[in-house]
Protein backbone atom coordinates (compact mmCIF):
# COMPACT_ATOMS: atom_id res chain seq x y z
CA MET A 1 3.64 65.10 6.62
CA PRO A 2 3.04 63.37 9.95
CA THR A 3 4.62 59.99 10.47
CA LEU A 4 2.21 57.08 10.69
CA PRO A 5 2.24 55.13 13.93
CA SER A 6 4.10 51.85 13.57
CA PHE A 7 0.94 49.78 13.95
CA LEU A 8 -0.59 51.55 10.94
CA ARG A 9 2.40 51.12 8.68
CA PRO A 10 2.05 48.39 6.06
CA ARG A 11 4.02 45.36 7.06
CA PRO A 12 6.38 43.85 4.56
CA ARG A 13 4.86 40.80 2.98
CA SER A 14 6.46 37.48 3.69
CA PRO A 15 7.76 35.85 0.56
CA PRO A 16 5.58 32.97 -0.61
CA PRO A 17 6.91 29.52 0.24
CA PRO A 18 8.90 27.85 -2.51
CA SER A 19 6.79 25.86 -4.92
CA PRO A 20 6.80 22.08 -4.56
CA ILE A 21 9.18 20.12 -6.74
CA THR A 22 7.77 17.64 -9.25
CA THR A 23 9.92 15.15 -11.12
CA TYR A 24 8.61 12.87 -13.84
CA TYR A 25 9.93 9.41 -14.61
CA LEU A 26 9.29 7.51 -17.81
CA THR A 27 9.40 3.74 -18.12
CA THR A 28 10.20 2.11 -21.43
CA PRO A 29 8.42 -0.74 -23.22
CA TYR A 30 9.56 -4.29 -22.62
CA SER A 31 11.15 -4.54 -26.06
CA SER A 32 13.22 -1.40 -25.59
CA ASN A 33 16.94 -1.49 -24.87
CA GLN A 34 16.75 1.82 -22.99
CA GLN A 35 16.99 2.26 -19.24
CA ALA A 36 13.90 0.83 -17.51
CA LEU A 37 13.11 3.98 -15.51
CA ARG A 38 14.56 7.41 -16.21
CA SER A 39 13.74 10.93 -15.08
CA ILE A 40 12.56 13.53 -17.56
CA PRO A 41 12.43 17.32 -17.07
CA SER A 42 9.07 18.65 -15.90
CA SER A 43 8.96 20.97 -18.91
CA SER A 44 9.28 17.92 -21.12
CA HIS A 45 6.27 16.12 -19.69
CA PRO A 46 4.96 14.53 -22.89
CA SER A 47 1.41 15.24 -23.96
CA GLU A 48 1.33 11.79 -25.51
CA ILE A 49 2.82 8.88 -23.61
CA PRO A 50 4.54 6.29 -25.81
CA SER A 51 2.63 3.04 -26.19
CA GLY A 52 3.65 0.50 -23.58
CA SER A 53 5.24 3.17 -21.38
CA LEU A 54 4.24 4.46 -17.98
CA ILE A 55 4.89 7.77 -16.26
CA PHE A 56 5.52 8.19 -12.55
CA SER A 57 5.69 11.59 -10.90
CA PHE A 58 6.99 12.57 -7.47
CA THR A 59 5.91 15.87 -5.90
CA HIS A 60 7.29 17.11 -2.58
CA PRO A 61 8.15 20.35 -0.77
CA GLN A 62 11.67 21.68 -1.15
CA LEU A 63 14.04 20.08 1.33
CA SER A 64 15.04 23.46 2.78
CA ILE A 65 11.56 23.98 4.24
CA SER A 66 10.46 20.42 5.03
CA LYS A 67 12.26 18.28 7.59
CA GLY A 68 9.71 15.54 6.99
CA THR A 69 10.58 15.37 3.30
CA SER A 70 14.30 15.23 4.11
CA PHE A 71 13.74 12.39 6.57
CA PHE A 72 11.53 10.48 4.16
CA LEU A 73 14.13 10.71 1.39
CA ASP A 74 16.87 9.75 3.82
CA CYS A 75 14.88 6.60 4.56
CA ILE A 76 13.69 5.97 0.99
CA PRO A 77 16.20 7.65 -1.34
CA ASP A 78 14.42 6.39 -4.47
CA PRO A 79 10.67 6.12 -3.73
CA ILE A 80 9.72 6.00 -7.41
CA GLY A 81 12.14 3.15 -8.03
CA PHE A 82 10.62 1.32 -5.07
CA LEU A 83 7.08 1.86 -6.42
CA TYR A 84 8.06 0.78 -9.92
CA HIS A 85 9.68 -2.47 -8.85
CA SER A 86 7.01 -3.12 -6.20
CA SER A 87 4.39 -3.13 -8.95
CA PHE A 88 5.78 -6.42 -10.25
CA PHE A 89 5.57 -7.94 -6.78
CA ILE A 90 1.94 -6.77 -6.50
CA SER A 91 1.02 -8.17 -9.89
CA LYS A 92 2.60 -11.50 -8.95
CA HIS A 93 0.08 -11.84 -6.12
CA LEU A 94 -2.97 -10.32 -7.86
CA SER A 95 -2.78 -11.56 -11.43
CA PRO A 96 -3.45 -15.22 -12.28
CA ASN A 97 -1.45 -14.85 -15.51
CA ASN A 98 1.76 -13.32 -14.24
CA GLU A 99 4.25 -15.94 -15.35
CA GLN A 100 6.10 -13.42 -17.50
CA GLY A 101 5.88 -10.60 -14.97
CA LYS A 102 3.76 -8.37 -17.19
CA ILE A 103 1.41 -5.84 -15.62
CA GLU A 104 -1.88 -4.61 -17.01
CA TRP A 105 -1.79 -1.03 -15.78
CA ARG A 106 -5.11 0.61 -14.90
CA HIS A 107 -3.48 4.05 -15.06
CA GLN A 108 -0.69 5.32 -17.26
CA LEU A 109 0.26 8.09 -14.83
CA ILE A 110 1.11 7.14 -11.24
CA GLN A 111 1.57 10.19 -9.01
CA LEU A 112 3.24 10.20 -5.59
CA GLU A 113 2.90 13.36 -3.52
CA LEU A 114 4.06 14.28 -0.03
CA GLU A 115 1.52 16.75 1.34
CA ASN A 116 1.12 18.56 4.64
CA LYS A 117 -2.25 17.09 5.58
CA ASP A 118 -3.90 15.14 8.38
CA GLY A 119 -4.24 11.38 8.35
CA LEU A 120 -1.79 8.88 6.94
CA ALA A 121 -2.29 8.39 3.21
CA ALA A 122 -4.97 8.39 0.53
CA THR A 123 -5.18 7.11 -3.02
CA SER A 124 -7.48 8.29 -5.80
CA GLY A 125 -7.14 6.79 -9.24
CA GLY A 126 -3.43 6.81 -9.94
CA LYS A 127 -2.58 9.48 -7.35
CA ILE A 128 -1.03 8.51 -4.00
CA VAL A 129 -0.79 11.19 -1.31
CA ILE A 130 1.31 10.54 1.80
CA SER A 131 0.85 12.80 4.83
CA LEU A 132 3.93 14.76 5.86
CA LYS A 133 2.41 15.11 9.32
CA TRP A 134 2.46 11.33 9.65
CA ILE A 135 6.03 11.20 8.30
CA GLU A 136 7.13 13.84 10.81
CA ASN A 137 5.47 11.90 13.63
CA ILE A 138 7.53 8.84 12.66
CA MET A 139 10.63 11.06 12.42
CA ASN A 140 10.07 12.37 15.95
CA GLN A 141 9.60 8.83 17.28
CA VAL A 142 12.99 7.92 15.81
CA LYS A 143 14.57 11.02 17.37
CA ARG A 144 13.14 10.02 20.77
CA ASN A 145 14.49 6.46 20.31
CA GLU A 146 10.93 5.12 20.43
CA LYS A 147 11.39 3.60 16.99
CA SER A 148 14.45 2.58 15.02
CA LYS A 149 15.24 4.10 11.66
CA GLN A 150 15.08 0.62 10.15
CA SER A 151 11.54 0.27 11.52
CA ALA A 152 10.64 3.64 9.97
CA ILE A 153 12.00 2.51 6.60
CA LYS A 154 9.95 -0.67 6.82
CA GLU A 155 6.80 1.28 7.70
CA PHE A 156 7.27 3.82 4.90
CA LYS A 157 7.80 1.05 2.37
CA GLY A 158 4.78 -0.82 3.72
CA VAL A 159 2.49 2.18 3.30
CA LEU A 160 3.83 2.86 -0.20
CA LEU A 161 3.21 -0.76 -1.13
CA HIS A 162 -0.32 -0.68 0.36
CA GLU A 163 -1.25 2.47 -1.55
CA LEU A 164 0.26 1.20 -4.79
CA VAL A 165 -1.94 -1.90 -4.56
CA HIS A 166 -4.95 0.44 -4.77
CA THR A 167 -3.72 1.75 -8.13
CA ILE A 168 -3.46 -1.78 -9.56
CA GLN A 169 -6.24 -3.85 -7.94
CA HIS A 170 -9.74 -3.99 -9.45
CA ASP A 171 -12.82 -3.01 -7.48
CA GLY A 172 -15.72 -4.35 -9.53
CA PHE A 173 -16.77 -0.89 -10.74
CA GLY A 174 -16.88 0.39 -7.17
CA SER A 175 -18.94 -2.53 -5.84
CA THR A 176 -16.32 -4.29 -3.69
CA PRO A 177 -16.72 -3.91 0.11
CA GLY A 178 -14.25 -1.44 1.54
CA TRP A 179 -12.99 -3.92 4.11
CA LEU A 180 -11.96 -6.34 1.34
CA ILE A 181 -10.22 -3.63 -0.71
CA GLU A 182 -8.12 -2.63 2.30
CA SER A 183 -7.54 -6.22 3.40
CA ILE A 184 -6.16 -7.19 -0.01
CA ALA A 185 -3.77 -4.21 0.08
CA ASP A 186 -2.47 -5.26 3.49
CA TYR A 187 -2.44 -8.91 2.41
CA VAL A 188 0.13 -7.98 -0.25
CA ARG A 189 1.97 -5.91 2.36
CA LEU A 190 2.17 -8.95 4.65
CA LEU A 191 3.47 -11.15 1.84
CA GLY A 192 6.15 -8.52 1.24
CA LYS A 193 7.14 -8.78 4.93
CA LEU A 194 6.38 -5.10 5.42
CA GLY A 195 3.80 -5.31 8.20
CA PRO A 196 4.78 -3.18 11.23
CA ASP A 197 5.38 -4.79 14.61
CA HIS A 198 2.29 -3.18 16.18
CA TRP A 199 -0.12 -4.95 13.82
CA ARG A 200 -2.53 -7.39 15.42
CA LYS A 201 -1.65 -11.07 15.13
CA SER A 202 -3.39 -13.96 13.37
CA GLY A 203 -6.64 -14.93 15.06
CA SER A 204 -7.33 -11.36 16.23
CA GLY A 205 -10.64 -9.65 15.60
CA LYS A 206 -14.23 -9.68 16.77
CA ILE A 207 -15.86 -13.10 16.95
CA GLU A 208 -18.79 -12.01 14.80
CA LYS A 209 -17.96 -10.55 11.40
CA GLY A 210 -14.53 -9.40 12.56
CA TYR A 211 -13.37 -9.37 8.95
CA GLU A 212 -15.31 -6.14 8.49
CA ASP A 213 -12.51 -4.28 10.31
CA GLY A 214 -10.34 -4.89 7.25
CA TYR A 215 -6.72 -3.78 7.11
CA ASP A 216 -4.40 -5.97 9.25
CA ILE A 217 -7.30 -8.03 10.65
CA GLY A 218 -8.62 -8.83 7.18
CA ALA A 219 -5.12 -9.34 5.78
CA ARG A 220 -4.32 -12.01 8.40
CA PHE A 221 -7.59 -13.72 7.51
CA LEU A 222 -6.76 -13.72 3.80
CA VAL A 223 -3.26 -15.05 4.48
CA TRP A 224 -4.82 -17.87 6.53
CA LEU A 225 -7.15 -18.69 3.64
CA THR A 226 -4.42 -18.76 1.01
CA THR A 227 -1.22 -20.09 2.61
CA ASN A 228 -0.05 -23.26 4.33
CA ASP A 229 1.84 -21.49 7.13
CA PRO A 230 0.08 -18.20 7.99
CA GLU A 231 1.80 -17.91 11.38
CA ILE A 232 5.24 -17.35 9.83
CA LEU A 233 4.22 -13.79 9.01
CA ASP A 234 3.27 -13.13 12.65
CA ASP A 235 6.71 -13.55 14.18
CA THR A 236 8.92 -10.74 12.91
CA SER A 237 11.90 -12.26 14.72
CA ARG A 238 11.79 -15.07 12.15
CA ILE A 239 11.92 -12.65 9.24
CA SER A 240 15.24 -11.57 7.80
CA TYR A 241 14.40 -8.07 6.56
CA ASP A 242 16.98 -6.08 4.67
CA GLY A 243 14.68 -3.34 3.44
CA GLY A 244 12.93 -5.07 0.57
CA GLU A 245 14.37 -8.45 -0.33
CA LEU A 246 10.98 -9.59 -1.60
CA ILE A 247 10.63 -6.75 -4.09
CA PRO A 248 12.14 -7.99 -7.40
CA VAL A 249 14.33 -5.01 -8.24
CA GLU A 250 17.19 -6.42 -10.26
CA TYR A 251 15.28 -8.56 -12.71
CA ALA A 252 12.10 -6.57 -13.14
CA ILE A 253 10.26 -6.99 -16.45
CA GLN A 254 8.68 -4.03 -18.20
CA PRO A 255 4.91 -3.37 -18.25
CA SER A 256 2.87 -5.00 -20.98
CA GLN A 257 1.45 -2.84 -23.77
CA THR A 258 -2.15 -2.48 -22.65
CA PRO A 259 -4.69 0.36 -22.90
CA THR A 260 -4.27 2.66 -19.93
CA SER A 261 -5.55 5.98 -18.68
CA THR A 262 -4.11 9.08 -17.05
CA ALA A 263 -7.48 10.03 -15.57
CA THR A 264 -7.95 10.23 -11.80
CA SER A 265 -11.09 10.50 -9.71
CA ASN A 266 -11.81 12.83 -6.82
CA ASP A 267 -12.98 10.16 -4.38
CA ALA A 268 -9.66 9.58 -2.63
CA LYS A 269 -9.89 6.73 -0.15
CA PRO A 270 -7.93 7.53 3.01
CA THR A 271 -5.96 4.80 4.70
CA GLN A 272 -7.07 4.69 8.33
CA TYR A 273 -5.20 2.13 10.36
CA PRO A 274 -6.54 1.30 13.82
CA ASP A 275 -4.96 2.77 16.94
CA PRO A 276 -2.16 0.38 17.95
CA ASN A 277 -3.39 0.67 21.55
CA TRP A 278 -6.88 -0.54 20.63
CA ASN A 279 -7.00 -4.13 21.88
CA GLN A 280 -10.44 -5.51 21.06
CA GLY A 281 -9.85 -9.04 19.84
CA TYR A 282 -6.07 -8.63 19.97
CA ILE A 283 -4.02 -11.72 20.80
CA GLU A 284 -1.02 -10.78 22.95
CA ASN A 285 2.14 -12.91 22.85
CA HIS A 286 0.57 -14.97 20.13
CA SER A 287 1.03 -18.74 20.17
CA LEU A 288 -1.13 -21.41 18.59
CA ASN A 289 -3.76 -23.01 20.77
CA LYS A 290 -2.89 -26.69 21.15
CA SER A 291 -6.56 -27.62 21.09
CA LYS A 292 -7.20 -26.00 17.74
CA PRO A 293 -8.88 -28.25 15.16
CA LYS A 294 -6.44 -30.12 12.93
CA HIS A 295 -8.60 -29.53 9.88
CA ARG A 296 -9.23 -26.13 8.36
CA PRO A 297 -10.72 -25.03 5.05
CA GLY A 298 -8.31 -24.68 2.18
CA PRO A 299 -5.81 -23.33 1.66
CA TYR A 300 -6.93 -21.63 -1.54
CA PRO A 301 -3.67 -20.25 -2.97
CA ASP A 302 -5.27 -18.56 -5.99
CA LEU A 303 -8.26 -17.08 -4.14
CA ILE A 304 -7.13 -13.44 -4.24
CA LYS A 305 -5.99 -13.72 -7.85
CA LEU A 306 -9.37 -15.15 -8.86
CA ILE A 307 -11.24 -12.45 -6.97
CA ASP A 308 -9.24 -9.64 -8.57
CA SER A 309 -9.55 -11.11 -12.07
CA ARG A 310 -13.35 -11.34 -11.71
CA LEU A 311 -13.57 -7.81 -10.34
CA LYS A 312 -12.06 -6.55 -13.57
CA PHE A 313 -15.23 -7.55 -15.44
CA GLU A 314 -17.94 -8.14 -12.81
CA ARG A 315 -19.55 -6.43 -9.87
CA TRP A 316 -18.81 -7.96 -6.47
CA ASP A 317 -21.16 -10.64 -5.15
CA ASP A 318 -20.93 -12.25 -1.70
CA SER A 319 -21.80 -15.60 -3.28
CA TRP A 320 -18.26 -15.75 -4.66
CA TRP A 321 -16.98 -17.01 -1.32
CA GLN A 322 -19.24 -20.06 -1.59
CA GLU A 323 -18.33 -20.59 -5.25
CA MET A 324 -14.59 -20.42 -4.65
CA THR A 325 -14.23 -22.12 -1.27
CA GLY A 326 -17.43 -24.10 -0.69
CA LEU A 327 -18.23 -22.01 2.40
CA ASN A 328 -19.86 -18.62 2.88
CA LEU A 329 -17.89 -15.76 4.39
CA ASP A 330 -19.29 -16.04 7.91
CA ASP A 331 -18.53 -19.77 8.01
CA LEU A 332 -14.98 -19.12 6.84
CA TRP A 333 -14.53 -16.51 9.56
CA SER A 334 -15.95 -18.86 12.20
CA SER A 335 -13.48 -21.54 11.10
CA TYR A 336 -10.69 -18.98 11.36
CA MET A 337 -11.72 -18.02 14.88
CA ALA A 338 -12.01 -21.69 15.89
CA TYR A 339 -8.58 -22.45 14.42
CA TYR A 340 -7.05 -20.01 16.89
CA GLY A 341 -9.16 -21.22 19.81
CA ARG A 342 -11.31 -18.10 20.03
CA PHE A 343 -14.38 -20.20 20.83
């Protein structure tokens, strides 16, 4: 029998890549004396989740085939623990009735997945997907000494916090403007001192309706509306950051026993931060304009809490700005621009 030419011989098939690893973590009710957050075998994923409990899951490629995953876990060794304890910080700034630290979970299953995809991150229902391509880009910046590892840790935690806000905040049955949804997520990120250095400073943005850019622009605006000293979050040199001192880890209180759901939707909303080099409306070397007006609206410290609590039961309405502050949105933005001497 003649020998087949080499190019006609069947090539040995490459073995399929190892399957991703998924670990489940179960929280315990507030009244329980058990450990607050403990891992459970994947094969033991309960079909019925105990009342008052919450399940987190973490899915990622095996470390042997994913340098990005290894770097991420080197920076954030316990991402589920960070998410769990961050949820109390989020609730503190979104819920008007958070004196006891209880959270009304919208989802009973919170999934975190590292996936080899474009973009940065996306959240749908209770599922958070972080791009490994983005993680690897940060990793390479650290290797080239363009970014410190501490800066990478801060950025990873900031994105995790931003995405987790989306699993907790209310959206008025899908009626809330996208810019406000993203601005609130970054507002919480700013309050957690997890905004990256390349974010635009207070007073940045387009003169007309600049709030529509959302994200860091909208977050600075919301901080200005709700706090007495919004500029303190601009100057990172004034912030003592040790990797999460604002996240209440040691004394976290368990979730409240409220009806929750494990359902997720397919309309994942990608996080799309602006190019750091894009400078429209960006204030370089930020300092307050001495001629700024002494008076400004507010502050309205409970504004975001009131908005989120209404969105739980009502569809969004632009008239809320007038109801809650006495000014419409465009007038508030104009006052914000004037405060920083933009016109």
